[in-house]
Structure formats: C-alpha cells, structure tokens
Amino acid sequence: MIPRYQKILLVALLIVSLGMGIELWQLRDRAHKRLLAGETTSPTRAPEVAPAEQATLIAANDLDNSLLPQMHSLPLPADPGARARAVLGRLLDLYAAPDSTHPVPGGAASVAQVFLMPAPGARASNPRAQLAVVNLTGSFAASHPSGLETESLTVLSICATIRANLPNVTEVRFLVDGQPRPTLAGHADLTRTYLTAEALPSEENKP
C-alpha cells in the first residue's frame, strides 16, 4: 500500500508537470505568432550587390621574385575597409588557384578584417593618410609556405595592392587572429609597420 505522503508528492509532481507543459506550449505559441508577424511586416528584399569595378592587384611571381600589376573586375563596396578586404580577397584567391605564380593556400577567407584609421605619422602634406590593419587568419599563417622570399612577396603584394586601390593608405600593420605575431611563417616580420609606397613595383615609383 502506497503511503499517504507519497500519494501527495505524486499528485504535486503531476500538477507541476502539467503547469510546465502549459507554459511551454504558450511560449511556443507566442514565438510562432511573433515569427508570423515578422514575416508579414518585413518586406522581402534581394540582398544588395556592390557594382563591379576595375581593381588593380599587385600579384607576386615566384619565378623572378617580382610584383606585377593585374587588372580585375570585381564587386567593390563603397566602405573603404570592405573595399580593401574585397581586393585582398581576390588577390589571395589568385594565389590559391592551381596555376598560381605564387602558390599560397587559403584564398579570400584568409582575410578576416581590414581596419582603416588615421596614420600616426601623417604629415601636413597628406593629412588624410591612413593606416590599414590587416587581420589574417591563423590557418592562413599556418599553411603559408616558409621562406624569406615567398613570405616577403605575400606581405609586399598585400601592401602594394591596398595602396593601388586606396591611395590614402600609406602604412600597413598585420595581425593574425586579432593578435600581434612575430612573423608570417618564420621569416617575414609582422611586428613592423610597412610603408605602402615602398611596396609598389619599381616601375610605379618612377616620377
């Protein structure tokens, strides 16, 4: 025979369970109604696509350790930081292609963010000078071929490509996964600030 206190406890548990079930059903019903309300009040709109423009990519060539300009048509956002990320993404896609002249895996996803800010060394001659902070992914750095020449070509081509498309960017700093990193893959220095004018191919530095 079941003791009286166990019967009372069982009835209490059943009442609590029933109450919780009703409350969960009401919460689900309210959430469903909010979802339906959002579907009816939010207009259906196609995502905005940036117009295609001509961009200059300064691509590395391992055959002669050169940097050569290439013209590409690609969607370029109006925001300068997003614009820089877009051109760098296309540059790294070139490096990840099977026929690349500078094979580096990773592609566009290797550029996490590009931040632009006033350059610390801006002078009166160029008060709009900017510093670009390029945040690369850890997987890109981990998979990058090691070697002073190949790492330097990657870094310089990034700096030169930014300068070619955003002339006000005079300096570039690098982060990896949002943190400072001594080198790219053991050789190219990522602790220094790079001057974009020095990264451009020599032909473009001529007066």
N, C-alpha and C. Protein backbone atom coordinates (compact mmCIF):
# COMPACT_ATOMS: atom_id res chain seq x y z
N MET A 1 0.85 -1.19 0.00
CA MET A 1 0.00 0.00 0.00
C MET A 1 0.89 1.25 0.00
N ILE A 2 0.57 2.22 -0.89
CA ILE A 2 1.37 3.44 -1.03
C ILE A 2 1.07 4.37 0.14
N PRO A 3 2.11 4.80 0.83
CA PRO A 3 1.90 5.73 1.95
C PRO A 3 1.24 7.03 1.48
N ARG A 4 0.57 7.70 2.38
CA ARG A 4 -0.18 8.91 2.05
C ARG A 4 0.74 10.03 1.56
N TYR A 5 1.93 10.15 2.18
CA TYR A 5 2.80 11.27 1.78
C TYR A 5 3.32 11.08 0.36
N GLN A 6 3.50 9.80 -0.08
CA GLN A 6 3.96 9.55 -1.44
C GLN A 6 2.86 9.89 -2.45
N LYS A 7 1.60 9.62 -2.05
CA LYS A 7 0.49 9.99 -2.93
C LYS A 7 0.44 11.50 -3.12
N ILE A 8 0.63 12.22 -2.01
CA ILE A 8 0.59 13.69 -2.09
C ILE A 8 1.73 14.21 -2.96
N LEU A 9 2.92 13.61 -2.81
CA LEU A 9 4.08 14.02 -3.60
C LEU A 9 3.85 13.73 -5.09
N LEU A 10 3.26 12.58 -5.40
CA LEU A 10 2.99 12.21 -6.79
C LEU A 10 2.01 13.19 -7.42
N VAL A 11 0.94 13.52 -6.69
CA VAL A 11 -0.06 14.47 -7.20
C VAL A 11 0.59 15.84 -7.43
N ALA A 12 1.44 16.25 -6.50
CA ALA A 12 2.11 17.55 -6.65
C ALA A 12 3.02 17.57 -7.87
N LEU A 13 3.76 16.47 -8.11
CA LEU A 13 4.63 16.40 -9.29
C LEU A 13 3.83 16.44 -10.58
N LEU A 14 2.65 15.75 -10.58
CA LEU A 14 1.80 15.77 -11.78
C LEU A 14 1.29 17.18 -12.06
N ILE A 15 0.90 17.90 -11.01
CA ILE A 15 0.40 19.27 -11.17
C ILE A 15 1.50 20.19 -11.72
N VAL A 16 2.72 20.03 -11.15
CA VAL A 16 3.85 20.86 -11.62
C VAL A 16 4.17 20.55 -13.08
N SER A 17 4.20 19.25 -13.45
CA SER A 17 4.49 18.87 -14.82
C SER A 17 3.46 19.41 -15.78
N LEU A 18 2.16 19.33 -15.38
CA LEU A 18 1.10 19.86 -16.23
C LEU A 18 1.25 21.37 -16.42
N GLY A 19 1.58 22.06 -15.33
CA GLY A 19 1.77 23.52 -15.42
C GLY A 19 2.92 23.89 -16.32
N MET A 20 4.03 23.15 -16.22
CA MET A 20 5.18 23.44 -17.08
C MET A 20 4.86 23.17 -18.54
N GLY A 21 4.10 22.10 -18.80
CA GLY A 21 3.71 21.80 -20.17
C GLY A 21 2.86 22.90 -20.77
N ILE A 22 1.91 23.41 -19.99
CA ILE A 22 1.06 24.50 -20.47
C ILE A 22 1.89 25.75 -20.74
N GLU A 23 2.83 26.06 -19.85
CA GLU A 23 3.67 27.25 -20.01
C GLU A 23 4.55 27.13 -21.26
N LEU A 24 5.13 25.95 -21.48
CA LEU A 24 5.96 25.74 -22.67
C LEU A 24 5.14 25.88 -23.94
N TRP A 25 3.92 25.35 -23.92
CA TRP A 25 3.05 25.45 -25.10
C TRP A 25 2.72 26.91 -25.39
N GLN A 26 2.46 27.70 -24.33
CA GLN A 26 2.15 29.12 -24.52
C GLN A 26 3.36 29.88 -25.06
N LEU A 27 4.55 29.56 -24.55
CA LEU A 27 5.75 30.22 -25.05
C LEU A 27 5.98 29.90 -26.52
N ARG A 28 5.79 28.63 -26.88
CA ARG A 28 5.95 28.24 -28.28
C ARG A 28 4.94 28.94 -29.17
N ASP A 29 3.71 29.07 -28.68
CA ASP A 29 2.66 29.72 -29.46
C ASP A 29 2.97 31.21 -29.66
N ARG A 30 3.47 31.87 -28.60
CA ARG A 30 3.81 33.29 -28.73
C ARG A 30 4.97 33.49 -29.69
N ALA A 31 5.98 32.60 -29.61
CA ALA A 31 7.12 32.72 -30.52
C ALA A 31 6.69 32.52 -31.97
N HIS A 32 5.78 31.57 -32.19
CA HIS A 32 5.28 31.33 -33.55
C HIS A 32 4.52 32.54 -34.08
N LYS A 33 3.74 33.17 -33.21
CA LYS A 33 3.00 34.35 -33.65
C LYS A 33 3.93 35.51 -33.97
N ARG A 34 5.01 35.67 -33.17
CA ARG A 34 5.97 36.73 -33.46
C ARG A 34 6.67 36.48 -34.78
N LEU A 35 6.99 35.21 -35.05
CA LEU A 35 7.62 34.87 -36.32
C LEU A 35 6.73 35.18 -37.50
N LEU A 36 5.44 34.83 -37.37
CA LEU A 36 4.50 35.13 -38.45
C LEU A 36 4.33 36.63 -38.64
N ALA A 37 4.31 37.36 -37.52
CA ALA A 37 4.18 38.81 -37.61
C ALA A 37 5.38 39.42 -38.30
N GLY A 38 6.58 38.89 -38.01
CA GLY A 38 7.78 39.40 -38.67
C GLY A 38 7.78 39.12 -40.15
N GLU A 39 7.26 37.95 -40.55
CA GLU A 39 7.20 37.61 -41.97
C GLU A 39 6.25 38.50 -42.73
N THR A 40 5.19 38.94 -42.07
CA THR A 40 4.21 39.75 -42.77
C THR A 40 4.59 41.22 -42.80
N THR A 41 5.37 41.68 -41.79
CA THR A 41 5.71 43.10 -41.75
C THR A 41 7.05 43.40 -42.40
N SER A 42 7.96 42.41 -42.49
CA SER A 42 9.26 42.66 -43.10
C SER A 42 9.18 42.45 -44.60
N PRO A 43 9.51 43.47 -45.40
CA PRO A 43 9.43 43.31 -46.85
C PRO A 43 10.50 42.36 -47.35
N THR A 44 10.17 41.61 -48.37
CA THR A 44 11.14 40.72 -49.00
C THR A 44 12.00 41.55 -49.93
N ARG A 45 13.31 41.53 -49.69
CA ARG A 45 14.21 42.36 -50.48
C ARG A 45 15.46 41.56 -50.84
N ALA A 46 15.85 41.64 -52.08
CA ALA A 46 17.05 40.94 -52.52
C ALA A 46 18.27 41.59 -51.88
N PRO A 47 19.28 40.81 -51.53
CA PRO A 47 20.49 41.39 -50.94
C PRO A 47 21.18 42.34 -51.91
N GLU A 48 21.72 43.43 -51.34
CA GLU A 48 22.39 44.41 -52.17
C GLU A 48 23.72 43.84 -52.66
N VAL A 49 24.01 44.07 -53.93
CA VAL A 49 25.25 43.60 -54.53
C VAL A 49 26.04 44.81 -54.99
N ALA A 50 27.29 44.88 -54.58
CA ALA A 50 28.13 46.01 -54.96
C ALA A 50 28.40 45.95 -56.46
N PRO A 51 28.43 47.11 -57.13
CA PRO A 51 28.70 47.12 -58.57
C PRO A 51 30.13 46.69 -58.87
N ALA A 52 30.33 46.08 -60.02
CA ALA A 52 31.66 45.64 -60.43
C ALA A 52 32.48 46.85 -60.87
N GLU A 53 33.71 46.89 -60.44
CA GLU A 53 34.64 47.96 -60.82
C GLU A 53 35.99 47.35 -61.16
N GLN A 54 36.82 48.15 -61.80
CA GLN A 54 38.18 47.72 -62.11
C GLN A 54 39.06 47.90 -60.88
N ALA A 55 39.75 46.85 -60.51
CA ALA A 55 40.67 46.90 -59.38
C ALA A 55 42.06 46.47 -59.85
N THR A 56 43.07 47.08 -59.25
CA THR A 56 44.45 46.74 -59.57
C THR A 56 45.01 45.82 -58.50
N LEU A 57 45.40 44.64 -58.89
CA LEU A 57 46.03 43.69 -57.97
C LEU A 57 47.53 43.65 -58.28
N ILE A 58 48.33 43.79 -57.26
CA ILE A 58 49.79 43.69 -57.43
C ILE A 58 50.18 42.27 -57.02
N ALA A 59 50.31 41.41 -58.04
CA ALA A 59 50.47 39.98 -57.80
C ALA A 59 51.94 39.57 -57.80
N ALA A 60 52.28 38.64 -56.93
CA ALA A 60 53.65 38.14 -56.81
C ALA A 60 53.90 37.03 -57.83
N ASN A 61 55.15 36.96 -58.29
CA ASN A 61 55.58 35.92 -59.21
C ASN A 61 56.85 35.30 -58.66
N ASP A 62 56.76 34.01 -58.29
CA ASP A 62 57.90 33.34 -57.68
C ASP A 62 59.03 33.06 -58.68
N LEU A 63 58.73 33.09 -59.97
CA LEU A 63 59.75 32.76 -60.98
C LEU A 63 60.89 33.78 -60.96
N ASP A 64 60.56 35.06 -60.77
CA ASP A 64 61.60 36.08 -60.75
C ASP A 64 61.49 37.01 -59.53
N ASN A 65 60.70 36.57 -58.53
CA ASN A 65 60.51 37.36 -57.30
C ASN A 65 60.04 38.78 -57.59
N SER A 66 59.10 38.90 -58.52
CA SER A 66 58.62 40.22 -58.93
C SER A 66 57.19 40.45 -58.45
N LEU A 67 56.79 41.71 -58.50
CA LEU A 67 55.42 42.11 -58.24
C LEU A 67 54.91 42.81 -59.48
N LEU A 68 53.83 42.28 -60.06
CA LEU A 68 53.33 42.81 -61.31
C LEU A 68 51.85 43.16 -61.18
N PRO A 69 51.44 44.33 -61.71
CA PRO A 69 50.03 44.73 -61.62
C PRO A 69 49.15 43.95 -62.58
N GLN A 70 47.97 43.60 -62.13
CA GLN A 70 46.94 42.96 -62.95
C GLN A 70 45.62 43.68 -62.74
N MET A 71 44.85 43.82 -63.80
CA MET A 71 43.55 44.46 -63.70
C MET A 71 42.46 43.39 -63.62
N HIS A 72 41.56 43.56 -62.66
CA HIS A 72 40.45 42.62 -62.47
C HIS A 72 39.17 43.40 -62.24
N SER A 73 38.07 42.87 -62.74
CA SER A 73 36.76 43.45 -62.50
C SER A 73 36.09 42.65 -61.39
N LEU A 74 35.69 43.32 -60.32
CA LEU A 74 35.05 42.62 -59.21
C LEU A 74 34.16 43.59 -58.44
N PRO A 75 33.16 43.06 -57.72
CA PRO A 75 32.29 43.94 -56.92
C PRO A 75 33.08 44.61 -55.81
N LEU A 76 32.99 45.93 -55.73
CA LEU A 76 33.73 46.68 -54.73
C LEU A 76 32.76 47.51 -53.89
N PRO A 77 32.65 47.22 -52.60
CA PRO A 77 31.78 48.01 -51.72
C PRO A 77 32.26 49.45 -51.61
N ALA A 78 31.36 50.33 -51.20
CA ALA A 78 31.73 51.73 -51.03
C ALA A 78 32.60 51.95 -49.79
N ASP A 79 32.35 51.17 -48.73
CA ASP A 79 33.11 51.33 -47.50
C ASP A 79 34.58 50.98 -47.75
N PRO A 80 35.52 51.88 -47.42
CA PRO A 80 36.93 51.64 -47.73
C PRO A 80 37.50 50.36 -47.11
N GLY A 81 37.13 50.07 -45.86
CA GLY A 81 37.64 48.85 -45.23
C GLY A 81 37.15 47.60 -45.94
N ALA A 82 35.85 47.57 -46.28
CA ALA A 82 35.30 46.44 -47.01
C ALA A 82 35.89 46.36 -48.41
N ARG A 83 36.17 47.51 -48.98
CA ARG A 83 36.77 47.56 -50.32
C ARG A 83 38.17 46.94 -50.29
N ALA A 84 38.95 47.29 -49.28
CA ALA A 84 40.29 46.72 -49.14
C ALA A 84 40.22 45.21 -48.95
N ARG A 85 39.27 44.76 -48.14
CA ARG A 85 39.14 43.32 -47.92
C ARG A 85 38.75 42.60 -49.21
N ALA A 86 37.92 43.24 -50.03
CA ALA A 86 37.49 42.62 -51.28
C ALA A 86 38.66 42.44 -52.25
N VAL A 87 39.49 43.47 -52.40
CA VAL A 87 40.61 43.35 -53.34
C VAL A 87 41.65 42.37 -52.82
N LEU A 88 41.87 42.36 -51.51
CA LEU A 88 42.82 41.39 -50.95
C LEU A 88 42.28 39.97 -51.07
N GLY A 89 40.97 39.83 -50.92
CA GLY A 89 40.37 38.51 -51.10
C GLY A 89 40.60 37.97 -52.50
N ARG A 90 40.43 38.84 -53.52
CA ARG A 90 40.68 38.41 -54.90
C ARG A 90 42.16 38.09 -55.10
N LEU A 91 43.04 38.88 -54.50
CA LEU A 91 44.48 38.62 -54.62
C LEU A 91 44.82 37.24 -54.05
N LEU A 92 44.29 36.92 -52.87
CA LEU A 92 44.61 35.63 -52.25
C LEU A 92 43.91 34.48 -52.97
N ASP A 93 42.78 34.77 -53.63
CA ASP A 93 42.17 33.75 -54.49
C ASP A 93 43.09 33.40 -55.66
N LEU A 94 43.78 34.41 -56.20
CA LEU A 94 44.75 34.16 -57.27
C LEU A 94 45.86 33.24 -56.77
N TYR A 95 46.32 33.50 -55.54
CA TYR A 95 47.41 32.68 -55.00
C TYR A 95 46.96 31.25 -54.72
N ALA A 96 45.68 31.07 -54.43
CA ALA A 96 45.18 29.72 -54.12
C ALA A 96 44.79 28.93 -55.36
N ALA A 97 44.82 29.58 -56.55
CA ALA A 97 44.43 28.91 -57.79
C ALA A 97 45.48 27.87 -58.19
N PRO A 98 45.06 26.82 -58.91
CA PRO A 98 46.00 25.76 -59.30
C PRO A 98 47.18 26.26 -60.14
N ASP A 99 46.95 27.28 -60.97
CA ASP A 99 48.01 27.76 -61.86
C ASP A 99 48.69 29.02 -61.31
N SER A 100 48.66 29.21 -60.02
CA SER A 100 49.18 30.42 -59.40
C SER A 100 50.69 30.56 -59.62
N THR A 101 51.13 31.80 -59.84
CA THR A 101 52.56 32.09 -59.92
C THR A 101 53.17 32.28 -58.54
N HIS A 102 52.32 32.27 -57.53
CA HIS A 102 52.78 32.41 -56.13
C HIS A 102 51.86 31.55 -55.27
N PRO A 103 52.05 30.23 -55.29
CA PRO A 103 51.10 29.32 -54.63
C PRO A 103 51.06 29.50 -53.11
N VAL A 104 49.89 29.92 -52.63
CA VAL A 104 49.64 30.03 -51.19
C VAL A 104 48.20 29.60 -50.93
N PRO A 105 47.96 28.60 -50.12
CA PRO A 105 46.58 28.16 -49.87
C PRO A 105 45.82 29.14 -48.98
N GLY A 106 44.50 29.03 -49.06
CA GLY A 106 43.65 29.82 -48.16
C GLY A 106 42.60 30.63 -48.87
N GLY A 107 42.99 31.40 -49.88
CA GLY A 107 42.02 32.20 -50.64
C GLY A 107 41.46 33.36 -49.85
N ALA A 108 40.32 33.88 -50.34
CA ALA A 108 39.72 35.10 -49.79
C ALA A 108 39.37 34.98 -48.31
N ALA A 109 39.02 33.78 -47.86
CA ALA A 109 38.64 33.61 -46.46
C ALA A 109 39.80 33.85 -45.50
N SER A 110 41.01 33.99 -46.03
CA SER A 110 42.19 34.21 -45.18
C SER A 110 42.26 35.63 -44.64
N VAL A 111 41.48 36.55 -45.23
CA VAL A 111 41.46 37.93 -44.74
C VAL A 111 40.24 38.07 -43.84
N ALA A 112 40.46 38.13 -42.53
CA ALA A 112 39.34 38.23 -41.59
C ALA A 112 38.73 39.62 -41.61
N GLN A 113 39.56 40.65 -41.46
CA GLN A 113 39.09 42.04 -41.49
C GLN A 113 40.21 42.94 -41.97
N VAL A 114 39.81 44.13 -42.43
CA VAL A 114 40.75 45.21 -42.71
C VAL A 114 40.20 46.46 -42.06
N PHE A 115 40.97 47.04 -41.13
CA PHE A 115 40.56 48.26 -40.44
C PHE A 115 41.38 49.43 -40.95
N LEU A 116 40.74 50.57 -41.15
CA LEU A 116 41.44 51.78 -41.57
C LEU A 116 41.33 52.83 -40.48
N MET A 117 42.43 53.54 -40.25
CA MET A 117 42.45 54.60 -39.24
C MET A 117 43.48 55.64 -39.66
N PRO A 118 43.43 56.84 -39.08
CA PRO A 118 44.43 57.85 -39.43
C PRO A 118 45.84 57.35 -39.16
N ALA A 119 46.73 57.61 -40.09
CA ALA A 119 48.12 57.17 -39.93
C ALA A 119 48.80 57.97 -38.83
N PRO A 120 49.48 57.31 -37.90
CA PRO A 120 50.15 58.03 -36.81
C PRO A 120 51.17 59.05 -37.31
N GLY A 121 51.83 58.73 -38.44
CA GLY A 121 52.86 59.62 -38.95
C GLY A 121 52.36 60.56 -40.03
N ALA A 122 51.06 60.82 -40.08
CA ALA A 122 50.51 61.70 -41.12
C ALA A 122 51.11 63.09 -41.00
N ARG A 123 51.47 63.65 -42.15
CA ARG A 123 52.07 64.98 -42.18
C ARG A 123 51.10 65.97 -42.82
N ALA A 124 51.49 67.24 -42.75
CA ALA A 124 50.65 68.29 -43.32
C ALA A 124 50.48 68.10 -44.82
N SER A 125 51.46 67.48 -45.48
CA SER A 125 51.38 67.28 -46.92
C SER A 125 50.30 66.26 -47.30
N ASN A 126 49.94 65.38 -46.35
CA ASN A 126 48.91 64.38 -46.62
C ASN A 126 48.13 64.11 -45.33
N PRO A 127 47.28 65.06 -44.92
CA PRO A 127 46.55 64.89 -43.65
C PRO A 127 45.55 63.74 -43.69
N ARG A 128 45.22 63.27 -44.88
CA ARG A 128 44.26 62.16 -44.99
C ARG A 128 44.94 60.80 -45.02
N ALA A 129 46.23 60.76 -44.77
CA ALA A 129 46.96 59.50 -44.79
C ALA A 129 46.36 58.53 -43.78
N GLN A 130 46.26 57.26 -44.20
CA GLN A 130 45.63 56.24 -43.35
C GLN A 130 46.55 55.06 -43.11
N LEU A 131 46.30 54.40 -41.99
CA LEU A 131 46.95 53.14 -41.65
C LEU A 131 45.93 52.03 -41.83
N ALA A 132 46.30 50.98 -42.56
CA ALA A 132 45.43 49.80 -42.71
C ALA A 132 45.95 48.70 -41.80
N VAL A 133 45.07 48.14 -41.01
CA VAL A 133 45.40 46.99 -40.16
C VAL A 133 44.74 45.77 -40.80
N VAL A 134 45.57 44.87 -41.30
CA VAL A 134 45.09 43.67 -41.99
C VAL A 134 45.13 42.50 -41.01
N ASN A 135 43.96 41.95 -40.72
CA ASN A 135 43.85 40.83 -39.79
C ASN A 135 43.71 39.54 -40.59
N LEU A 136 44.77 38.75 -40.61
CA LEU A 136 44.78 37.48 -41.32
C LEU A 136 44.36 36.35 -40.38
N THR A 137 43.92 35.25 -40.95
CA THR A 137 43.51 34.11 -40.13
C THR A 137 44.72 33.25 -39.73
N GLY A 138 44.59 32.59 -38.60
CA GLY A 138 45.65 31.71 -38.16
C GLY A 138 45.91 30.56 -39.12
N SER A 139 44.86 30.06 -39.76
CA SER A 139 45.03 28.95 -40.70
C SER A 139 45.85 29.38 -41.91
N PHE A 140 45.69 30.65 -42.33
CA PHE A 140 46.48 31.15 -43.46
C PHE A 140 47.96 31.18 -43.09
N ALA A 141 48.26 31.73 -41.92
CA ALA A 141 49.66 31.79 -41.48
C ALA A 141 50.24 30.38 -41.29
N ALA A 142 49.44 29.47 -40.76
CA ALA A 142 49.93 28.12 -40.50
C ALA A 142 50.23 27.35 -41.78
N SER A 143 49.47 27.63 -42.85
CA SER A 143 49.64 26.89 -44.09
C SER A 143 50.52 27.61 -45.10
N HIS A 144 50.97 28.84 -44.77
CA HIS A 144 51.78 29.60 -45.72
C HIS A 144 53.16 28.95 -45.88
N PRO A 145 53.64 28.80 -47.12
CA PRO A 145 54.98 28.25 -47.32
C PRO A 145 56.03 29.09 -46.59
N SER A 146 56.97 28.41 -45.95
CA SER A 146 58.00 29.10 -45.19
C SER A 146 59.17 29.46 -46.08
N GLY A 147 59.70 30.64 -45.86
CA GLY A 147 60.84 31.12 -46.64
C GLY A 147 60.81 32.63 -46.71
N LEU A 148 61.97 33.26 -46.61
CA LEU A 148 62.02 34.72 -46.57
C LEU A 148 61.44 35.34 -47.84
N GLU A 149 61.79 34.81 -49.00
CA GLU A 149 61.35 35.42 -50.25
C GLU A 149 59.85 35.26 -50.46
N THR A 150 59.35 34.05 -50.26
CA THR A 150 57.92 33.82 -50.52
C THR A 150 57.05 34.56 -49.51
N GLU A 151 57.47 34.62 -48.25
CA GLU A 151 56.70 35.35 -47.25
C GLU A 151 56.73 36.86 -47.53
N SER A 152 57.91 37.37 -47.89
CA SER A 152 58.04 38.80 -48.18
C SER A 152 57.20 39.19 -49.38
N LEU A 153 57.16 38.33 -50.40
CA LEU A 153 56.33 38.63 -51.58
C LEU A 153 54.86 38.73 -51.21
N THR A 154 54.40 37.85 -50.34
CA THR A 154 53.00 37.90 -49.91
C THR A 154 52.71 39.21 -49.18
N VAL A 155 53.56 39.55 -48.24
CA VAL A 155 53.35 40.77 -47.45
C VAL A 155 53.41 42.01 -48.33
N LEU A 156 54.41 42.09 -49.20
CA LEU A 156 54.57 43.27 -50.05
C LEU A 156 53.44 43.38 -51.07
N SER A 157 52.99 42.25 -51.59
CA SER A 157 51.90 42.30 -52.57
C SER A 157 50.60 42.76 -51.92
N ILE A 158 50.38 42.39 -50.66
CA ILE A 158 49.20 42.87 -49.92
C ILE A 158 49.29 44.38 -49.74
N CYS A 159 50.47 44.86 -49.30
CA CYS A 159 50.64 46.30 -49.07
C CYS A 159 50.47 47.09 -50.37
N ALA A 160 51.08 46.59 -51.44
CA ALA A 160 51.02 47.30 -52.72
C ALA A 160 49.61 47.29 -53.31
N THR A 161 48.88 46.19 -53.13
CA THR A 161 47.51 46.11 -53.65
C THR A 161 46.61 47.08 -52.91
N ILE A 162 46.79 47.19 -51.60
CA ILE A 162 45.99 48.17 -50.85
C ILE A 162 46.29 49.58 -51.35
N ARG A 163 47.57 49.92 -51.54
CA ARG A 163 47.95 51.26 -51.98
C ARG A 163 47.41 51.54 -53.39
N ALA A 164 47.42 50.53 -54.26
CA ALA A 164 46.97 50.73 -55.64
C ALA A 164 45.48 51.05 -55.72
N ASN A 165 44.71 50.58 -54.75
CA ASN A 165 43.26 50.78 -54.77
C ASN A 165 42.78 51.81 -53.76
N LEU A 166 43.56 52.07 -52.74
CA LEU A 166 43.24 53.11 -51.75
C LEU A 166 44.49 53.96 -51.55
N PRO A 167 44.69 54.96 -52.41
CA PRO A 167 45.94 55.74 -52.39
C PRO A 167 46.21 56.44 -51.07
N ASN A 168 45.19 56.69 -50.26
CA ASN A 168 45.41 57.37 -48.99
C ASN A 168 46.03 56.47 -47.93
N VAL A 169 46.05 55.16 -48.19
CA VAL A 169 46.66 54.24 -47.22
C VAL A 169 48.16 54.25 -47.43
N THR A 170 48.87 54.79 -46.48
CA THR A 170 50.33 54.92 -46.58
C THR A 170 51.08 53.92 -45.72
N GLU A 171 50.39 53.29 -44.76
CA GLU A 171 51.04 52.36 -43.86
C GLU A 171 50.15 51.14 -43.64
N VAL A 172 50.78 50.00 -43.40
CA VAL A 172 50.05 48.75 -43.16
C VAL A 172 50.66 48.03 -41.97
N ARG A 173 49.79 47.54 -41.09
CA ARG A 173 50.20 46.68 -39.99
C ARG A 173 49.44 45.35 -40.13
N PHE A 174 50.02 44.28 -39.59
CA PHE A 174 49.41 42.96 -39.71
C PHE A 174 49.10 42.38 -38.33
N LEU A 175 47.96 41.70 -38.26
CA LEU A 175 47.59 40.88 -37.12
C LEU A 175 47.24 39.49 -37.64
N VAL A 176 47.29 38.51 -36.75
CA VAL A 176 46.86 37.14 -37.09
C VAL A 176 45.88 36.70 -36.01
N ASP A 177 44.67 36.43 -36.42
CA ASP A 177 43.58 36.11 -35.48
C ASP A 177 43.43 37.20 -34.43
N GLY A 178 43.61 38.45 -34.87
CA GLY A 178 43.41 39.59 -33.99
C GLY A 178 44.54 39.87 -33.01
N GLN A 179 45.65 39.14 -33.14
CA GLN A 179 46.77 39.30 -32.21
C GLN A 179 48.06 39.58 -32.97
N PRO A 180 49.00 40.32 -32.35
CA PRO A 180 50.31 40.51 -32.97
C PRO A 180 51.01 39.16 -33.14
N ARG A 181 51.81 39.05 -34.18
CA ARG A 181 52.53 37.81 -34.45
C ARG A 181 53.94 38.19 -34.93
N PRO A 182 54.98 37.51 -34.45
CA PRO A 182 56.34 37.90 -34.82
C PRO A 182 56.61 37.82 -36.32
N THR A 183 56.21 36.70 -36.96
CA THR A 183 56.48 36.51 -38.38
C THR A 183 55.27 35.87 -39.05
N LEU A 184 55.28 35.88 -40.37
CA LEU A 184 54.19 35.23 -41.10
C LEU A 184 54.30 33.72 -41.00
N ALA A 185 55.45 33.18 -41.43
CA ALA A 185 55.66 31.73 -41.34
C ALA A 185 57.10 31.43 -40.95
N GLY A 186 57.66 32.32 -40.11
CA GLY A 186 59.01 32.10 -39.62
C GLY A 186 60.03 33.10 -40.11
N HIS A 187 59.67 33.96 -41.11
CA HIS A 187 60.67 34.85 -41.67
C HIS A 187 60.18 36.30 -41.82
N ALA A 188 59.14 36.55 -42.59
CA ALA A 188 58.68 37.92 -42.84
C ALA A 188 58.20 38.57 -41.56
N ASP A 189 58.76 39.71 -41.23
CA ASP A 189 58.49 40.41 -39.97
C ASP A 189 57.09 41.01 -39.99
N LEU A 190 56.25 40.61 -39.02
CA LEU A 190 54.91 41.17 -38.90
C LEU A 190 54.79 42.14 -37.73
N THR A 191 55.92 42.44 -37.08
CA THR A 191 55.87 43.38 -35.96
C THR A 191 56.07 44.82 -36.42
N ARG A 192 56.55 45.01 -37.63
CA ARG A 192 56.87 46.35 -38.12
C ARG A 192 55.68 46.96 -38.86
N THR A 193 55.78 48.27 -39.10
CA THR A 193 54.81 48.96 -39.94
C THR A 193 55.39 49.07 -41.34
N TYR A 194 54.63 48.63 -42.35
CA TYR A 194 55.08 48.67 -43.73
C TYR A 194 54.60 49.95 -44.41
N LEU A 195 55.48 50.60 -45.14
CA LEU A 195 55.12 51.77 -45.94
C LEU A 195 54.69 51.30 -47.32
N THR A 196 53.46 51.62 -47.69
CA THR A 196 52.91 51.09 -48.95
C THR A 196 53.66 51.62 -50.16
N ALA A 197 54.18 52.83 -50.10
CA ALA A 197 54.90 53.38 -51.25
C ALA A 197 56.14 52.56 -51.57
N GLU A 198 56.76 51.99 -50.53
CA GLU A 198 57.96 51.18 -50.74
C GLU A 198 57.63 49.79 -51.27
N ALA A 199 56.37 49.38 -51.14
CA ALA A 199 55.98 48.03 -51.59
C ALA A 199 55.61 48.02 -53.07
N LEU A 200 55.28 49.18 -53.64
CA LEU A 200 54.87 49.22 -55.04
C LEU A 200 56.01 48.79 -55.96
N PRO A 201 55.68 48.15 -57.10
CA PRO A 201 56.72 47.80 -58.07
C PRO A 201 57.52 49.03 -58.47
N SER A 202 58.78 48.81 -58.78
CA SER A 202 59.69 49.93 -59.05
C SER A 202 59.19 50.81 -60.19
N GLU A 203 58.51 50.21 -61.19
CA GLU A 203 58.01 51.00 -62.31
C GLU A 203 57.03 52.05 -61.85
N GLU A 204 56.25 51.73 -60.79
CA GLU A 204 55.24 52.67 -60.32
C GLU A 204 55.83 53.74 -59.42
N ASN A 205 57.07 53.56 -59.01
CA ASN A 205 57.71 54.56 -58.16
C ASN A 205 58.44 55.63 -58.98
N LYS A 206 58.53 55.42 -60.28
CA LYS A 206 59.20 56.41 -61.11
C LYS A 206 58.34 57.66 -61.23
N PRO A 207 59.00 58.84 -61.26
CA PRO A 207 58.24 60.08 -61.39
C PRO A 207 57.58 60.20 -62.75
